[in-house]
Every structure is written in C-alpha cells, then in structure tokens.
Amino acid sequence: MFTSKTQASAVVPSIVPPDPLNRNRRVPVEVERHGVVVGARTVRVTDLQPALFTLAGNGSGTAVALHVNGSVNSADSPAVAGSIVVLYATGFGSTDPPSFDGVVASAPFPRPKSPVSVVIAGRPAEVLYVGSAPGLVAGLIQLNVRIPVETEANPITPIVVNVGSATSPPDVTLAVRAAIPQ
C-alpha cells in the first residue's frame, strides 16, 4: 500500500474473486485514517486489466522504465532502439505458481498464466522476462523487453501490453533514440 495527500494505491487481495464473465462486478473499497472512513468508492473487478506504471502515477504518460544500468528512461535519457528496458505493470491475472497477498516475490517467481505480448511503436517487441518483480510485493509484474531495432527516435513512443484478450491503456510512452549504426 502507498498513500499520499492525493493518492492511495493498493494491491487487490486475491481473496476478491474476479468476474470471469466480465459482467461489471463491483466491490466496495474504503480508505480509513485513524479508524475513521475518509473515502469510499465502488470499483470494478475483472480477470485481466493490464496497466503499466507511469512516472506521473496516473497510468498515462511516460512509463516507469529502467535501462539495463538502472537509470530511468526519459526524454533526456532515451533508450536506444534494440536495447532492453525493464517495465513494471499490474493487472495480469492469476499466476503460476500462485501469488500470495502481501508476500515479497521470491524464487520460483510467479508468472502470468495468460499469454503476454508487448507492442512498441506498432511493432512487436521481444519479451525476455515477464513475472513477479524480484524482491517486490506480489502482484507487481516486471517485464524485460527489447525495443524493436527499427523503432524511430521519438520521446513519446507508444507502448502497449497485451495479456490474454486484454490490452493496457494506449496513452503510455517510452523515450527512444535511433539504433547506433554498426
């Protein structure tokens, strides 16, 4: 769980059953502060709802993406086409082996049961790893992805993740620069 003055984020417990028929199943969520309910909302629960984490924290804009040296991808530090970036996501559904609420991910790392693909600038990207993020809370998914070498330089290159039949929001981007000629 994470909270700030303007945001509260939490992992949906696995005990909350998804709606396998996508009939708009809704569950109540309450936020308490010192034992007093300070906010309440009803949210929809689905089997799959992939989303990439973004630097703005609102699910759109620049993705939380790390270069292999651990630095953050940005317009000032774009990834080279053909290089590998590490992305973080959620909403990938059930895993094998199963994940457990509140547990820090450890080997063997749970992986999504549904097939996962990534599209960068309209091109399929090579997914090198998709599974629980080592050392982080269960439910947080890490993707290690190779940016297609043909990707043109663009500080707002679109990136989409497909999990089963579900697709992440389309307004997430990466900063990419052209591949270095060999």
N, C-alpha and C. Protein backbone atom coordinates (compact mmCIF):
# COMPACT_ATOMS: atom_id res chain seq x y z
N MET A 1 0.84 -1.17 0.00
CA MET A 1 0.00 0.00 0.00
C MET A 1 0.89 1.23 0.00
N PHE A 2 0.43 2.26 -0.71
CA PHE A 2 1.10 3.56 -0.77
C PHE A 2 0.04 4.63 -0.59
N THR A 3 0.32 5.64 0.20
CA THR A 3 -0.60 6.75 0.33
C THR A 3 0.15 8.07 0.30
N SER A 4 -0.52 9.08 -0.19
CA SER A 4 -0.02 10.45 -0.15
C SER A 4 -1.23 11.34 0.08
N LYS A 5 -1.04 12.64 0.04
CA LYS A 5 -2.17 13.56 0.24
C LYS A 5 -3.20 13.44 -0.87
N THR A 6 -2.77 13.01 -2.06
CA THR A 6 -3.68 12.99 -3.21
C THR A 6 -3.95 11.60 -3.78
N GLN A 7 -3.32 10.56 -3.23
CA GLN A 7 -3.45 9.24 -3.85
C GLN A 7 -3.31 8.14 -2.82
N ALA A 8 -4.08 7.08 -3.01
CA ALA A 8 -3.92 5.85 -2.25
C ALA A 8 -3.84 4.71 -3.25
N SER A 9 -2.81 3.88 -3.14
CA SER A 9 -2.65 2.75 -4.05
C SER A 9 -2.52 1.48 -3.23
N ALA A 10 -3.12 0.40 -3.71
CA ALA A 10 -3.05 -0.87 -3.00
C ALA A 10 -3.15 -2.01 -4.00
N VAL A 11 -2.68 -3.17 -3.60
CA VAL A 11 -2.81 -4.38 -4.39
C VAL A 11 -4.15 -5.01 -4.03
N VAL A 12 -4.94 -5.37 -5.03
CA VAL A 12 -6.22 -6.02 -4.77
C VAL A 12 -5.94 -7.42 -4.22
N PRO A 13 -6.47 -7.73 -3.04
CA PRO A 13 -6.22 -9.06 -2.47
C PRO A 13 -6.77 -10.16 -3.36
N SER A 14 -6.06 -11.28 -3.40
CA SER A 14 -6.51 -12.38 -4.25
C SER A 14 -7.81 -13.00 -3.75
N ILE A 15 -8.20 -12.72 -2.52
CA ILE A 15 -9.46 -13.23 -2.00
C ILE A 15 -10.66 -12.58 -2.68
N VAL A 16 -10.45 -11.41 -3.32
CA VAL A 16 -11.53 -10.75 -4.07
C VAL A 16 -11.65 -11.48 -5.40
N PRO A 17 -12.71 -12.24 -5.58
CA PRO A 17 -12.81 -13.01 -6.82
C PRO A 17 -13.11 -12.12 -8.01
N PRO A 18 -12.40 -12.34 -9.14
CA PRO A 18 -12.71 -11.58 -10.35
C PRO A 18 -14.02 -12.05 -10.95
N ASP A 19 -14.51 -11.32 -11.89
CA ASP A 19 -15.73 -11.66 -12.60
C ASP A 19 -15.35 -12.32 -13.92
N PRO A 20 -15.31 -13.65 -13.99
CA PRO A 20 -14.84 -14.31 -15.21
C PRO A 20 -15.71 -14.04 -16.42
N LEU A 21 -16.97 -13.63 -16.21
CA LEU A 21 -17.85 -13.35 -17.34
C LEU A 21 -17.90 -11.86 -17.67
N ASN A 22 -17.06 -11.06 -16.97
CA ASN A 22 -17.00 -9.61 -17.18
C ASN A 22 -18.38 -8.97 -17.18
N ARG A 23 -19.14 -9.24 -16.13
CA ARG A 23 -20.49 -8.67 -16.01
C ARG A 23 -20.47 -7.39 -15.18
N ASN A 24 -19.34 -6.70 -15.15
CA ASN A 24 -19.20 -5.46 -14.39
C ASN A 24 -19.36 -5.68 -12.89
N ARG A 25 -18.77 -6.74 -12.37
CA ARG A 25 -18.81 -7.00 -10.93
C ARG A 25 -18.10 -5.84 -10.22
N ARG A 26 -18.72 -5.32 -9.17
CA ARG A 26 -18.16 -4.19 -8.44
C ARG A 26 -18.05 -4.55 -6.97
N VAL A 27 -16.99 -4.05 -6.34
CA VAL A 27 -16.79 -4.28 -4.91
C VAL A 27 -16.51 -2.94 -4.22
N PRO A 28 -16.94 -2.82 -2.96
CA PRO A 28 -16.68 -1.56 -2.24
C PRO A 28 -15.24 -1.49 -1.73
N VAL A 29 -14.67 -0.28 -1.76
CA VAL A 29 -13.34 -0.02 -1.23
C VAL A 29 -13.45 1.18 -0.30
N GLU A 30 -12.89 1.05 0.89
CA GLU A 30 -12.91 2.16 1.85
C GLU A 30 -11.49 2.52 2.25
N VAL A 31 -11.26 3.80 2.48
CA VAL A 31 -9.99 4.29 2.98
C VAL A 31 -10.22 4.80 4.39
N GLU A 32 -9.43 4.27 5.32
CA GLU A 32 -9.55 4.69 6.71
C GLU A 32 -8.31 5.45 7.14
N ARG A 33 -8.51 6.44 7.99
CA ARG A 33 -7.41 7.17 8.61
C ARG A 33 -7.71 7.25 10.09
N HIS A 34 -6.85 6.64 10.89
CA HIS A 34 -7.02 6.59 12.34
C HIS A 34 -8.38 6.00 12.71
N GLY A 35 -8.79 4.96 11.98
CA GLY A 35 -10.03 4.26 12.28
C GLY A 35 -11.30 4.92 11.77
N VAL A 36 -11.17 6.02 11.05
CA VAL A 36 -12.33 6.73 10.51
C VAL A 36 -12.31 6.64 8.99
N VAL A 37 -13.45 6.24 8.40
CA VAL A 37 -13.54 6.16 6.94
C VAL A 37 -13.49 7.58 6.37
N VAL A 38 -12.47 7.84 5.53
CA VAL A 38 -12.31 9.16 4.94
C VAL A 38 -12.61 9.15 3.44
N GLY A 39 -12.85 7.99 2.89
CA GLY A 39 -13.19 7.88 1.48
C GLY A 39 -13.75 6.51 1.18
N ALA A 40 -14.71 6.46 0.27
CA ALA A 40 -15.29 5.19 -0.14
C ALA A 40 -15.63 5.27 -1.62
N ARG A 41 -15.48 4.15 -2.27
CA ARG A 41 -15.75 4.09 -3.70
C ARG A 41 -16.05 2.64 -4.05
N THR A 42 -16.76 2.44 -5.12
CA THR A 42 -17.00 1.11 -5.65
C THR A 42 -16.15 0.96 -6.90
N VAL A 43 -15.41 -0.16 -7.00
CA VAL A 43 -14.55 -0.38 -8.16
C VAL A 43 -14.91 -1.68 -8.86
N ARG A 44 -14.67 -1.72 -10.14
CA ARG A 44 -14.93 -2.90 -10.96
C ARG A 44 -13.78 -3.88 -10.82
N VAL A 45 -14.07 -5.16 -10.72
CA VAL A 45 -13.06 -6.21 -10.62
C VAL A 45 -13.19 -7.09 -11.86
N THR A 46 -12.07 -7.28 -12.55
CA THR A 46 -12.05 -8.12 -13.74
C THR A 46 -10.92 -9.13 -13.62
N ASP A 47 -10.98 -10.13 -14.48
CA ASP A 47 -9.93 -11.15 -14.52
C ASP A 47 -8.58 -10.54 -14.92
N LEU A 48 -8.60 -9.72 -15.98
CA LEU A 48 -7.38 -9.12 -16.51
C LEU A 48 -7.63 -7.65 -16.79
N GLN A 49 -6.71 -6.80 -16.33
CA GLN A 49 -6.76 -5.39 -16.66
C GLN A 49 -5.33 -4.85 -16.61
N PRO A 50 -4.52 -5.23 -17.61
CA PRO A 50 -3.11 -4.84 -17.57
C PRO A 50 -2.92 -3.33 -17.65
N ALA A 51 -1.94 -2.85 -16.90
CA ALA A 51 -1.59 -1.43 -16.93
C ALA A 51 -0.13 -1.28 -16.56
N LEU A 52 0.55 -0.42 -17.29
CA LEU A 52 1.95 -0.11 -16.99
C LEU A 52 1.98 1.01 -15.95
N PHE A 53 2.93 0.95 -15.04
CA PHE A 53 3.13 2.04 -14.10
C PHE A 53 3.78 3.19 -14.85
N THR A 54 3.37 4.41 -14.52
CA THR A 54 3.89 5.60 -15.19
C THR A 54 4.53 6.55 -14.18
N LEU A 55 5.43 7.38 -14.68
CA LEU A 55 6.13 8.32 -13.81
C LEU A 55 5.16 9.30 -13.14
N ALA A 56 4.08 9.67 -13.83
CA ALA A 56 3.10 10.59 -13.26
C ALA A 56 2.22 9.90 -12.22
N GLY A 57 2.23 8.56 -12.19
CA GLY A 57 1.44 7.83 -11.22
C GLY A 57 -0.03 7.78 -11.54
N ASN A 58 -0.42 8.19 -12.74
CA ASN A 58 -1.84 8.19 -13.10
C ASN A 58 -2.18 7.22 -14.23
N GLY A 59 -1.21 6.41 -14.65
CA GLY A 59 -1.46 5.41 -15.68
C GLY A 59 -1.34 5.91 -17.10
N SER A 60 -0.93 7.17 -17.29
CA SER A 60 -0.70 7.68 -18.64
C SER A 60 0.59 8.48 -18.66
N GLY A 61 1.10 8.71 -19.87
CA GLY A 61 2.37 9.43 -20.00
C GLY A 61 3.54 8.47 -20.02
N THR A 62 4.68 8.94 -19.56
CA THR A 62 5.92 8.16 -19.61
C THR A 62 5.88 6.96 -18.67
N ALA A 63 6.18 5.79 -19.20
CA ALA A 63 6.20 4.56 -18.41
C ALA A 63 7.35 4.60 -17.41
N VAL A 64 7.16 3.92 -16.28
CA VAL A 64 8.29 3.66 -15.38
C VAL A 64 9.11 2.60 -16.09
N ALA A 65 10.22 3.03 -16.67
CA ALA A 65 11.07 2.13 -17.44
C ALA A 65 12.52 2.39 -17.06
N LEU A 66 13.24 1.31 -16.83
CA LEU A 66 14.65 1.42 -16.46
C LEU A 66 15.51 0.86 -17.57
N HIS A 67 16.65 1.52 -17.80
CA HIS A 67 17.65 0.98 -18.71
C HIS A 67 18.38 -0.15 -17.96
N VAL A 68 19.14 -0.96 -18.66
CA VAL A 68 19.82 -2.08 -18.00
C VAL A 68 20.82 -1.62 -16.95
N ASN A 69 21.27 -0.35 -17.00
CA ASN A 69 22.18 0.16 -15.97
C ASN A 69 21.42 0.71 -14.76
N GLY A 70 20.08 0.62 -14.79
CA GLY A 70 19.27 1.06 -13.66
C GLY A 70 18.80 2.50 -13.74
N SER A 71 19.27 3.26 -14.73
CA SER A 71 18.81 4.64 -14.86
C SER A 71 17.40 4.68 -15.45
N VAL A 72 16.70 5.78 -15.19
CA VAL A 72 15.30 5.91 -15.60
C VAL A 72 15.21 6.44 -17.03
N ASN A 73 14.34 5.81 -17.82
CA ASN A 73 14.08 6.26 -19.19
C ASN A 73 13.32 7.59 -19.14
N SER A 74 13.76 8.53 -19.97
CA SER A 74 13.10 9.84 -20.06
C SER A 74 13.51 10.49 -21.37
N ALA A 75 12.93 11.64 -21.68
CA ALA A 75 13.31 12.36 -22.89
C ALA A 75 14.78 12.74 -22.85
N ASP A 76 15.31 12.99 -21.65
CA ASP A 76 16.73 13.33 -21.50
C ASP A 76 17.63 12.09 -21.48
N SER A 77 17.03 10.93 -21.27
CA SER A 77 17.77 9.67 -21.22
C SER A 77 17.00 8.58 -21.96
N PRO A 78 16.88 8.71 -23.29
CA PRO A 78 16.09 7.75 -24.06
C PRO A 78 16.80 6.40 -24.20
N ALA A 79 16.00 5.37 -24.40
CA ALA A 79 16.55 4.04 -24.67
C ALA A 79 16.93 3.95 -26.13
N VAL A 80 17.99 3.24 -26.42
CA VAL A 80 18.42 3.03 -27.80
C VAL A 80 17.57 1.93 -28.41
N ALA A 81 17.06 2.15 -29.62
CA ALA A 81 16.32 1.10 -30.31
C ALA A 81 17.19 -0.15 -30.35
N GLY A 82 16.61 -1.30 -30.01
CA GLY A 82 17.36 -2.55 -29.94
C GLY A 82 17.85 -2.88 -28.55
N SER A 83 17.77 -1.91 -27.62
CA SER A 83 18.22 -2.16 -26.25
C SER A 83 17.07 -2.75 -25.41
N ILE A 84 17.41 -3.13 -24.20
CA ILE A 84 16.45 -3.74 -23.27
C ILE A 84 16.04 -2.71 -22.24
N VAL A 85 14.73 -2.67 -21.94
CA VAL A 85 14.21 -1.85 -20.85
C VAL A 85 13.45 -2.74 -19.89
N VAL A 86 13.40 -2.32 -18.64
CA VAL A 86 12.64 -3.02 -17.61
C VAL A 86 11.41 -2.18 -17.31
N LEU A 87 10.24 -2.79 -17.41
CA LEU A 87 8.96 -2.12 -17.19
C LEU A 87 8.27 -2.75 -15.99
N TYR A 88 7.37 -2.00 -15.37
CA TYR A 88 6.60 -2.52 -14.24
C TYR A 88 5.12 -2.34 -14.53
N ALA A 89 4.36 -3.38 -14.19
CA ALA A 89 2.94 -3.39 -14.54
C ALA A 89 2.14 -4.12 -13.48
N THR A 90 0.84 -4.13 -13.67
CA THR A 90 -0.08 -4.84 -12.79
C THR A 90 -1.29 -5.28 -13.60
N GLY A 91 -2.17 -6.05 -13.00
CA GLY A 91 -3.41 -6.45 -13.65
C GLY A 91 -3.28 -7.61 -14.61
N PHE A 92 -2.30 -8.50 -14.38
CA PHE A 92 -2.05 -9.61 -15.29
C PHE A 92 -2.79 -10.89 -14.92
N GLY A 93 -3.62 -10.86 -13.88
CA GLY A 93 -4.42 -12.02 -13.51
C GLY A 93 -3.66 -13.06 -12.73
N SER A 94 -4.17 -14.28 -12.75
CA SER A 94 -3.60 -15.36 -11.95
C SER A 94 -2.23 -15.76 -12.47
N THR A 95 -1.43 -16.32 -11.55
CA THR A 95 -0.05 -16.68 -11.86
C THR A 95 0.22 -18.15 -11.57
N ASP A 96 1.33 -18.62 -12.11
CA ASP A 96 1.81 -19.97 -11.84
C ASP A 96 3.28 -19.88 -11.45
N PRO A 97 3.66 -20.30 -10.25
CA PRO A 97 2.78 -20.71 -9.16
C PRO A 97 1.95 -19.53 -8.67
N PRO A 98 0.90 -19.81 -7.86
CA PRO A 98 0.05 -18.73 -7.35
C PRO A 98 0.84 -17.73 -6.50
N SER A 99 0.42 -16.46 -6.57
CA SER A 99 1.00 -15.43 -5.71
C SER A 99 0.21 -15.38 -4.41
N PHE A 100 0.84 -14.87 -3.37
CA PHE A 100 0.16 -14.75 -2.08
C PHE A 100 0.19 -13.31 -1.62
N ASP A 101 -0.95 -12.82 -1.15
CA ASP A 101 -1.11 -11.43 -0.76
C ASP A 101 -0.07 -10.99 0.25
N GLY A 102 0.51 -9.81 0.01
CA GLY A 102 1.41 -9.18 0.95
C GLY A 102 2.79 -9.80 1.03
N VAL A 103 3.06 -10.80 0.22
CA VAL A 103 4.34 -11.51 0.26
C VAL A 103 5.30 -10.87 -0.75
N VAL A 104 6.54 -10.78 -0.37
CA VAL A 104 7.56 -10.30 -1.30
C VAL A 104 7.91 -11.45 -2.25
N ALA A 105 7.95 -11.14 -3.53
CA ALA A 105 8.20 -12.17 -4.54
C ALA A 105 9.59 -12.78 -4.38
N SER A 106 9.63 -14.11 -4.46
CA SER A 106 10.91 -14.83 -4.40
C SER A 106 10.82 -16.02 -5.33
N ALA A 107 11.97 -16.64 -5.58
CA ALA A 107 12.03 -17.78 -6.50
C ALA A 107 11.27 -18.96 -5.91
N PRO A 108 10.59 -19.74 -6.73
CA PRO A 108 10.38 -19.53 -8.16
C PRO A 108 9.38 -18.38 -8.38
N PHE A 109 9.73 -17.44 -9.25
CA PHE A 109 8.92 -16.25 -9.44
C PHE A 109 7.64 -16.57 -10.21
N PRO A 110 6.49 -16.19 -9.63
CA PRO A 110 5.22 -16.42 -10.33
C PRO A 110 5.18 -15.68 -11.66
N ARG A 111 4.62 -16.35 -12.65
CA ARG A 111 4.47 -15.78 -13.99
C ARG A 111 2.99 -15.80 -14.37
N PRO A 112 2.54 -14.83 -15.16
CA PRO A 112 1.13 -14.82 -15.57
C PRO A 112 0.76 -16.09 -16.32
N LYS A 113 -0.46 -16.58 -16.07
CA LYS A 113 -0.94 -17.76 -16.79
C LYS A 113 -1.36 -17.40 -18.22
N SER A 114 -1.82 -16.17 -18.42
CA SER A 114 -2.25 -15.73 -19.75
C SER A 114 -1.04 -15.32 -20.59
N PRO A 115 -1.12 -15.49 -21.91
CA PRO A 115 -0.01 -15.07 -22.78
C PRO A 115 0.16 -13.55 -22.74
N VAL A 116 1.42 -13.12 -22.80
CA VAL A 116 1.76 -11.69 -22.72
C VAL A 116 2.56 -11.30 -23.95
N SER A 117 2.21 -10.16 -24.55
CA SER A 117 3.00 -9.59 -25.64
C SER A 117 3.08 -8.09 -25.44
N VAL A 118 4.10 -7.48 -26.05
CA VAL A 118 4.32 -6.04 -25.94
C VAL A 118 4.48 -5.49 -27.35
N VAL A 119 3.86 -4.33 -27.58
CA VAL A 119 3.96 -3.65 -28.87
C VAL A 119 4.52 -2.26 -28.62
N ILE A 120 5.62 -1.92 -29.30
CA ILE A 120 6.26 -0.62 -29.17
C ILE A 120 6.26 0.03 -30.54
N ALA A 121 5.68 1.22 -30.62
CA ALA A 121 5.57 1.96 -31.89
C ALA A 121 4.93 1.09 -32.98
N GLY A 122 3.94 0.30 -32.60
CA GLY A 122 3.23 -0.54 -33.55
C GLY A 122 3.94 -1.81 -33.96
N ARG A 123 5.12 -2.07 -33.37
CA ARG A 123 5.89 -3.28 -33.71
C ARG A 123 5.96 -4.23 -32.52
N PRO A 124 5.91 -5.54 -32.79
CA PRO A 124 6.06 -6.48 -31.68
C PRO A 124 7.46 -6.37 -31.08
N ALA A 125 7.51 -6.35 -29.75
CA ALA A 125 8.79 -6.31 -29.04
C ALA A 125 9.09 -7.69 -28.49
N GLU A 126 10.35 -8.00 -28.34
CA GLU A 126 10.77 -9.28 -27.77
C GLU A 126 10.64 -9.19 -26.25
N VAL A 127 9.82 -10.08 -25.67
CA VAL A 127 9.65 -10.13 -24.22
C VAL A 127 10.62 -11.18 -23.69
N LEU A 128 11.62 -10.72 -22.94
CA LEU A 128 12.66 -11.61 -22.43
C LEU A 128 12.28 -12.21 -21.08
N TYR A 129 11.50 -11.46 -20.30
CA TYR A 129 11.03 -11.95 -18.99
C TYR A 129 9.72 -11.27 -18.67
N VAL A 130 8.80 -12.03 -18.13
CA VAL A 130 7.57 -11.48 -17.58
C VAL A 130 7.21 -12.33 -16.37
N GLY A 131 7.12 -11.68 -15.22
CA GLY A 131 6.80 -12.39 -13.99
C GLY A 131 6.88 -11.44 -12.82
N SER A 132 6.73 -12.01 -11.63
CA SER A 132 6.80 -11.20 -10.43
C SER A 132 8.14 -10.47 -10.38
N ALA A 133 8.09 -9.24 -9.87
CA ALA A 133 9.31 -8.44 -9.75
C ALA A 133 10.09 -8.92 -8.54
N PRO A 134 11.29 -9.47 -8.74
CA PRO A 134 12.08 -9.99 -7.63
C PRO A 134 12.27 -8.96 -6.52
N GLY A 135 11.97 -9.37 -5.29
CA GLY A 135 12.18 -8.51 -4.13
C GLY A 135 11.08 -7.49 -3.89
N LEU A 136 10.05 -7.47 -4.74
CA LEU A 136 8.94 -6.54 -4.57
C LEU A 136 7.66 -7.31 -4.26
N VAL A 137 6.61 -6.60 -3.89
CA VAL A 137 5.37 -7.24 -3.45
C VAL A 137 4.71 -8.04 -4.58
N ALA A 138 4.12 -9.17 -4.20
CA ALA A 138 3.39 -10.00 -5.15
C ALA A 138 2.31 -9.15 -5.81
N GLY A 139 2.09 -9.38 -7.10
CA GLY A 139 1.12 -8.60 -7.86
C GLY A 139 1.77 -7.56 -8.74
N LEU A 140 3.00 -7.20 -8.42
CA LEU A 140 3.76 -6.27 -9.25
C LEU A 140 4.51 -7.10 -10.28
N ILE A 141 4.25 -6.83 -11.55
CA ILE A 141 4.85 -7.60 -12.63
C ILE A 141 6.02 -6.83 -13.24
N GLN A 142 7.10 -7.53 -13.51
CA GLN A 142 8.26 -6.96 -14.20
C GLN A 142 8.31 -7.54 -15.60
N LEU A 143 8.56 -6.67 -16.57
CA LEU A 143 8.75 -7.10 -17.95
C LEU A 143 10.11 -6.61 -18.41
N ASN A 144 10.93 -7.50 -18.91
CA ASN A 144 12.20 -7.13 -19.54
C ASN A 144 11.95 -7.27 -21.04
N VAL A 145 12.05 -6.15 -21.76
CA VAL A 145 11.62 -6.09 -23.15
C VAL A 145 12.71 -5.47 -24.02
N ARG A 146 12.93 -6.06 -25.19
CA ARG A 146 13.87 -5.49 -26.17
C ARG A 146 13.06 -4.60 -27.12
N ILE A 147 13.45 -3.35 -27.22
CA ILE A 147 12.80 -2.41 -28.14
C ILE A 147 13.15 -2.82 -29.56
N PRO A 148 12.17 -2.91 -30.46
CA PRO A 148 12.48 -3.28 -31.84
C PRO A 148 13.54 -2.34 -32.43
N VAL A 149 14.54 -2.91 -33.08
CA VAL A 149 15.67 -2.13 -33.59
C VAL A 149 15.24 -1.11 -34.65
N GLU A 150 14.12 -1.37 -35.33
CA GLU A 150 13.63 -0.47 -36.36
C GLU A 150 12.90 0.74 -35.80
N THR A 151 12.71 0.79 -34.48
CA THR A 151 11.96 1.88 -33.87
C THR A 151 12.66 3.22 -34.12
N GLU A 152 11.90 4.18 -34.60
CA GLU A 152 12.44 5.50 -34.90
C GLU A 152 12.56 6.32 -33.61
N ALA A 153 13.47 7.28 -33.62
CA ALA A 153 13.66 8.15 -32.47
C ALA A 153 12.39 8.95 -32.21
N ASN A 154 11.95 8.93 -30.96
CA ASN A 154 10.75 9.66 -30.57
C ASN A 154 10.69 9.70 -29.05
N PRO A 155 10.56 10.89 -28.44
CA PRO A 155 10.47 10.96 -26.99
C PRO A 155 9.14 10.47 -26.44
N ILE A 156 8.16 10.27 -27.33
CA ILE A 156 6.85 9.76 -26.88
C ILE A 156 6.43 8.57 -27.75
N THR A 157 7.24 7.53 -27.71
CA THR A 157 6.97 6.30 -28.46
C THR A 157 5.91 5.48 -27.72
N PRO A 158 4.79 5.16 -28.36
CA PRO A 158 3.72 4.41 -27.69
C PRO A 158 4.13 2.97 -27.36
N ILE A 159 3.67 2.51 -26.19
CA ILE A 159 3.91 1.13 -25.76
C ILE A 159 2.62 0.57 -25.19
N VAL A 160 2.28 -0.65 -25.62
CA VAL A 160 1.06 -1.32 -25.18
C VAL A 160 1.41 -2.75 -24.79
N VAL A 161 0.78 -3.22 -23.72
CA VAL A 161 0.95 -4.60 -23.27
C VAL A 161 -0.37 -5.34 -23.45
N ASN A 162 -0.29 -6.53 -24.05
CA ASN A 162 -1.45 -7.39 -24.23
C ASN A 162 -1.31 -8.60 -23.30
N VAL A 163 -2.37 -8.86 -22.54
CA VAL A 163 -2.40 -10.03 -21.65
C VAL A 163 -3.69 -10.77 -21.96
N GLY A 164 -3.55 -11.98 -22.51
CA GLY A 164 -4.74 -12.68 -22.96
C GLY A 164 -5.47 -11.81 -23.96
N SER A 165 -6.74 -11.55 -23.72
CA SER A 165 -7.53 -10.71 -24.63
C SER A 165 -7.61 -9.26 -24.16
N ALA A 166 -6.91 -8.92 -23.09
CA ALA A 166 -6.95 -7.56 -22.53
C ALA A 166 -5.72 -6.75 -22.96
N THR A 167 -5.91 -5.45 -23.10
CA THR A 167 -4.86 -4.55 -23.55
C THR A 167 -4.70 -3.39 -22.57
N SER A 168 -3.46 -2.99 -22.33
CA SER A 168 -3.20 -1.86 -21.43
C SER A 168 -3.65 -0.56 -22.09
N PRO A 169 -3.86 0.49 -21.30
CA PRO A 169 -4.24 1.78 -21.87
C PRO A 169 -3.23 2.24 -22.92
N PRO A 170 -3.71 2.89 -24.00
CA PRO A 170 -2.85 3.23 -25.13
C PRO A 170 -2.02 4.49 -24.97
N ASP A 171 -2.20 5.23 -23.88
CA ASP A 171 -1.53 6.52 -23.76
C ASP A 171 -0.29 6.49 -22.86
N VAL A 172 0.45 5.37 -22.94
CA VAL A 172 1.71 5.23 -22.20
C VAL A 172 2.85 5.22 -23.22
N THR A 173 3.95 5.87 -22.87
CA THR A 173 5.04 6.05 -23.82
C THR A 173 6.41 5.75 -23.23
N LEU A 174 7.38 5.58 -24.13
CA LEU A 174 8.80 5.45 -23.81
C LEU A 174 9.55 6.49 -24.64
N ALA A 175 10.69 6.91 -24.14
CA ALA A 175 11.57 7.77 -24.94
C ALA A 175 12.58 6.86 -25.63
N VAL A 176 12.65 6.96 -26.95
CA VAL A 176 13.54 6.09 -27.73
C VAL A 176 14.40 6.95 -28.66
N ARG A 177 15.66 6.55 -28.81
CA ARG A 177 16.51 7.16 -29.82
C ARG A 177 16.93 6.08 -30.81
N ALA A 178 17.31 6.47 -31.99
CA ALA A 178 17.63 5.54 -33.06
C ALA A 178 18.79 4.63 -32.67
N ALA A 179 18.78 3.44 -33.26
CA ALA A 179 19.86 2.49 -33.03
C ALA A 179 21.17 3.05 -33.55
N ILE A 180 22.23 2.68 -32.91
CA ILE A 180 23.57 3.10 -33.31
C ILE A 180 23.99 2.26 -34.52
N PRO A 181 24.36 2.91 -35.64
CA PRO A 181 24.77 2.13 -36.83
C PRO A 181 25.99 1.28 -36.52
N GLN A 182 26.00 0.08 -37.07
CA GLN A 182 27.11 -0.85 -36.84
C GLN A 182 28.20 -0.66 -37.84
